[in-house]
Every structure is written in structure tokens, then in C-alpha cells.
Amino acid sequence: GLKIKTVEALCLGKCLVSTQAGLIGLDVTGELPFVPAEVGDMAIPLLELLNDPGRRHAIEDRALAYARARFAPEVA
């Protein structure tokens, strides 16, 4: 089923770093920049995002646009 915490993060415009398991039920092909193969591979993308606020904010803007296009009341 759909991972509600993933949807919640996107709807709040949060930059998402997730494994494939966290994306089950979502069509995010090419939408999310950070999908490491294993949980242990998340550290580097997380550090990169923390150290580059401009990049993180751009990704957060895309996350919010993605959520609005797919989860807004008028769409759902």
C-alpha cells in the first residue's frame, strides 16, 4: 500500500530521501533525486542536502509541486 509518511513529507514540501520500499504505491519515476539502494547509503545524500540549502530548497519546491499535482483534494 501507499506509504503515508512519504506522502505526508511530500505534502509538507520536504526534501525526501527514501529507499524503494518507502516509495511503494507512488509513481515517482524521475521525480525524486535521492533513492539509495540501501538504508546505509542515505548518509551521503543527507549530508549533501544539509550542506547545500539552495539545492535542498529547490528539491523541496519540486516535492510540493509533485504533492499538489497528485494529492490535492480536487485531484484526489
N, C-alpha and C. Protein backbone atom coordinates (compact mmCIF):
# COMPACT_ATOMS: atom_id res chain seq x y z
N GLY A 1 0.80 -1.18 0.00
CA GLY A 1 0.00 0.00 0.00
C GLY A 1 0.86 1.26 0.00
N LEU A 2 0.19 2.35 0.01
CA LEU A 2 0.80 3.67 -0.01
C LEU A 2 1.49 3.97 1.32
N LYS A 3 2.67 4.52 1.27
CA LYS A 3 3.43 4.88 2.47
C LYS A 3 3.02 6.29 2.90
N ILE A 4 2.17 6.38 3.92
CA ILE A 4 1.57 7.65 4.30
C ILE A 4 2.60 8.65 4.80
N LYS A 5 3.66 8.22 5.44
CA LYS A 5 4.68 9.17 5.90
C LYS A 5 5.43 9.79 4.72
N THR A 6 5.58 9.03 3.65
CA THR A 6 6.20 9.57 2.44
C THR A 6 5.29 10.63 1.84
N VAL A 7 4.00 10.33 1.74
CA VAL A 7 3.03 11.28 1.20
C VAL A 7 2.99 12.54 2.08
N GLU A 8 2.98 12.35 3.38
CA GLU A 8 2.96 13.49 4.30
C GLU A 8 4.18 14.38 4.10
N ALA A 9 5.35 13.79 3.98
CA ALA A 9 6.58 14.57 3.77
C ALA A 9 6.49 15.38 2.48
N LEU A 10 6.02 14.75 1.41
CA LEU A 10 5.88 15.45 0.13
C LEU A 10 4.86 16.59 0.22
N CYS A 11 3.75 16.34 0.90
CA CYS A 11 2.71 17.36 1.03
C CYS A 11 3.17 18.54 1.88
N LEU A 12 4.14 18.29 2.74
CA LEU A 12 4.71 19.37 3.54
C LEU A 12 5.89 20.03 2.84
N GLY A 13 6.18 19.59 1.62
CA GLY A 13 7.26 20.18 0.86
C GLY A 13 8.64 19.85 1.41
N LYS A 14 8.79 18.65 1.93
CA LYS A 14 10.08 18.23 2.48
C LYS A 14 10.90 17.51 1.42
N CYS A 15 12.18 17.72 1.48
CA CYS A 15 13.11 17.03 0.60
C CYS A 15 13.16 15.57 1.06
N LEU A 16 12.87 14.66 0.17
CA LEU A 16 12.72 13.26 0.54
C LEU A 16 13.91 12.43 0.07
N VAL A 17 14.48 11.71 1.02
CA VAL A 17 15.50 10.70 0.71
C VAL A 17 14.89 9.39 1.19
N SER A 18 14.68 8.46 0.28
CA SER A 18 13.99 7.23 0.62
C SER A 18 14.53 6.06 -0.18
N THR A 19 14.42 4.88 0.40
CA THR A 19 14.70 3.67 -0.36
C THR A 19 13.47 3.36 -1.21
N GLN A 20 13.57 2.40 -2.08
CA GLN A 20 12.44 1.99 -2.90
C GLN A 20 11.26 1.55 -2.04
N ALA A 21 11.53 0.95 -0.89
CA ALA A 21 10.45 0.48 -0.01
C ALA A 21 9.57 1.64 0.45
N GLY A 22 10.15 2.81 0.66
CA GLY A 22 9.38 3.97 1.10
C GLY A 22 8.56 4.60 -0.01
N LEU A 23 8.76 4.15 -1.23
CA LEU A 23 8.06 4.73 -2.38
C LEU A 23 6.98 3.81 -2.93
N ILE A 24 6.75 2.70 -2.26
CA ILE A 24 5.73 1.76 -2.72
C ILE A 24 4.38 2.47 -2.84
N GLY A 25 3.73 2.29 -3.97
CA GLY A 25 2.42 2.88 -4.20
C GLY A 25 2.46 4.26 -4.85
N LEU A 26 3.65 4.81 -5.04
CA LEU A 26 3.79 6.13 -5.66
C LEU A 26 4.44 6.02 -7.02
N ASP A 27 4.02 6.86 -7.92
CA ASP A 27 4.65 6.95 -9.23
C ASP A 27 5.62 8.12 -9.19
N VAL A 28 6.86 7.85 -8.82
CA VAL A 28 7.86 8.92 -8.66
C VAL A 28 9.03 8.75 -9.62
N THR A 29 8.84 8.00 -10.67
CA THR A 29 9.90 7.77 -11.63
C THR A 29 10.46 9.09 -12.12
N GLY A 30 11.73 9.32 -11.86
CA GLY A 30 12.39 10.53 -12.30
C GLY A 30 12.04 11.77 -11.51
N GLU A 31 11.19 11.66 -10.51
CA GLU A 31 10.75 12.82 -9.73
C GLU A 31 11.66 13.10 -8.54
N LEU A 32 12.13 12.05 -7.89
CA LEU A 32 12.93 12.23 -6.68
C LEU A 32 14.40 12.00 -6.99
N PRO A 33 15.24 12.89 -6.51
CA PRO A 33 16.66 12.78 -6.83
C PRO A 33 17.42 11.78 -5.97
N PHE A 34 16.91 11.43 -4.80
CA PHE A 34 17.68 10.58 -3.90
C PHE A 34 16.90 9.32 -3.53
N VAL A 35 17.26 8.24 -4.16
CA VAL A 35 16.65 6.95 -3.86
C VAL A 35 17.79 5.94 -3.74
N PRO A 36 18.46 5.93 -2.58
CA PRO A 36 19.56 4.98 -2.40
C PRO A 36 19.04 3.55 -2.36
N ALA A 37 19.90 2.63 -2.73
CA ALA A 37 19.52 1.21 -2.76
C ALA A 37 19.31 0.65 -1.36
N GLU A 38 20.10 1.11 -0.41
CA GLU A 38 20.06 0.59 0.96
C GLU A 38 19.98 1.74 1.95
N VAL A 39 19.44 1.47 3.12
CA VAL A 39 19.34 2.49 4.17
C VAL A 39 20.72 3.06 4.49
N GLY A 40 21.73 2.22 4.51
CA GLY A 40 23.08 2.65 4.82
C GLY A 40 23.67 3.62 3.81
N ASP A 41 23.06 3.73 2.64
CA ASP A 41 23.54 4.63 1.60
C ASP A 41 22.91 6.02 1.69
N MET A 42 22.15 6.29 2.73
CA MET A 42 21.45 7.57 2.84
C MET A 42 22.32 8.69 3.40
N ALA A 43 23.38 8.37 4.09
CA ALA A 43 24.17 9.38 4.79
C ALA A 43 24.73 10.44 3.84
N ILE A 44 25.32 10.03 2.73
CA ILE A 44 25.94 11.00 1.83
C ILE A 44 24.91 11.96 1.23
N PRO A 45 23.79 11.47 0.68
CA PRO A 45 22.80 12.42 0.17
C PRO A 45 22.26 13.34 1.26
N LEU A 46 22.05 12.82 2.46
CA LEU A 46 21.55 13.66 3.54
C LEU A 46 22.54 14.77 3.88
N LEU A 47 23.81 14.43 3.99
CA LEU A 47 24.84 15.43 4.28
C LEU A 47 24.94 16.46 3.16
N GLU A 48 24.85 16.01 1.92
CA GLU A 48 24.90 16.94 0.79
C GLU A 48 23.75 17.94 0.85
N LEU A 49 22.57 17.46 1.19
CA LEU A 49 21.41 18.35 1.27
C LEU A 49 21.50 19.32 2.44
N LEU A 50 22.03 18.84 3.54
CA LEU A 50 22.19 19.72 4.70
C LEU A 50 23.23 20.81 4.43
N ASN A 51 24.21 20.51 3.62
CA ASN A 51 25.28 21.46 3.33
C ASN A 51 24.99 22.36 2.13
N ASP A 52 23.88 22.14 1.45
CA ASP A 52 23.54 22.94 0.27
C ASP A 52 22.07 23.37 0.34
N PRO A 53 21.79 24.40 1.15
CA PRO A 53 20.39 24.82 1.33
C PRO A 53 19.69 25.21 0.03
N GLY A 54 20.40 25.81 -0.90
CA GLY A 54 19.78 26.20 -2.16
C GLY A 54 19.28 25.00 -2.93
N ARG A 55 20.09 24.00 -3.01
CA ARG A 55 19.69 22.76 -3.70
C ARG A 55 18.53 22.09 -2.98
N ARG A 56 18.63 22.04 -1.64
CA ARG A 56 17.57 21.42 -0.84
C ARG A 56 16.25 22.14 -1.06
N HIS A 57 16.26 23.47 -1.06
CA HIS A 57 15.02 24.24 -1.26
C HIS A 57 14.43 24.00 -2.64
N ALA A 58 15.27 23.87 -3.64
CA ALA A 58 14.77 23.59 -5.00
C ALA A 58 14.09 22.23 -5.04
N ILE A 59 14.68 21.25 -4.37
CA ILE A 59 14.08 19.91 -4.32
C ILE A 59 12.78 19.95 -3.52
N GLU A 60 12.76 20.73 -2.44
CA GLU A 60 11.54 20.85 -1.64
C GLU A 60 10.42 21.48 -2.47
N ASP A 61 10.76 22.46 -3.29
CA ASP A 61 9.75 23.07 -4.17
C ASP A 61 9.18 22.03 -5.13
N ARG A 62 10.04 21.17 -5.68
CA ARG A 62 9.57 20.11 -6.58
C ARG A 62 8.71 19.09 -5.84
N ALA A 63 9.08 18.79 -4.59
CA ALA A 63 8.30 17.84 -3.78
C ALA A 63 6.89 18.38 -3.56
N LEU A 64 6.79 19.66 -3.24
CA LEU A 64 5.49 20.26 -3.00
C LEU A 64 4.65 20.30 -4.29
N ALA A 65 5.28 20.62 -5.40
CA ALA A 65 4.57 20.63 -6.68
C ALA A 65 4.08 19.23 -7.03
N TYR A 66 4.92 18.22 -6.78
CA TYR A 66 4.54 16.82 -7.02
C TYR A 66 3.30 16.48 -6.18
N ALA A 67 3.35 16.83 -4.89
CA ALA A 67 2.24 16.51 -3.99
C ALA A 67 0.96 17.23 -4.40
N ARG A 68 1.08 18.49 -4.76
CA ARG A 68 -0.12 19.24 -5.17
C ARG A 68 -0.75 18.65 -6.43
N ALA A 69 0.09 18.17 -7.34
CA ALA A 69 -0.42 17.61 -8.58
C ALA A 69 -1.09 16.25 -8.38
N ARG A 70 -0.74 15.57 -7.31
CA ARG A 70 -1.25 14.21 -7.12
C ARG A 70 -2.18 14.02 -5.92
N PHE A 71 -2.07 14.88 -4.91
CA PHE A 71 -2.82 14.65 -3.66
C PHE A 71 -3.75 15.79 -3.26
N ALA A 72 -3.84 16.83 -4.05
CA ALA A 72 -4.75 17.93 -3.73
C ALA A 72 -6.18 17.39 -3.71
N PRO A 73 -7.05 17.95 -2.87
CA PRO A 73 -8.42 17.45 -2.79
C PRO A 73 -9.13 17.40 -4.14
N GLU A 74 -8.92 18.40 -4.98
CA GLU A 74 -9.61 18.39 -6.27
C GLU A 74 -9.07 17.33 -7.22
N VAL A 75 -7.85 16.86 -6.96
CA VAL A 75 -7.25 15.80 -7.79
C VAL A 75 -7.64 14.43 -7.25
N ALA A 76 -7.61 14.31 -5.94
CA ALA A 76 -7.93 13.02 -5.30
C ALA A 76 -9.39 12.75 -5.45
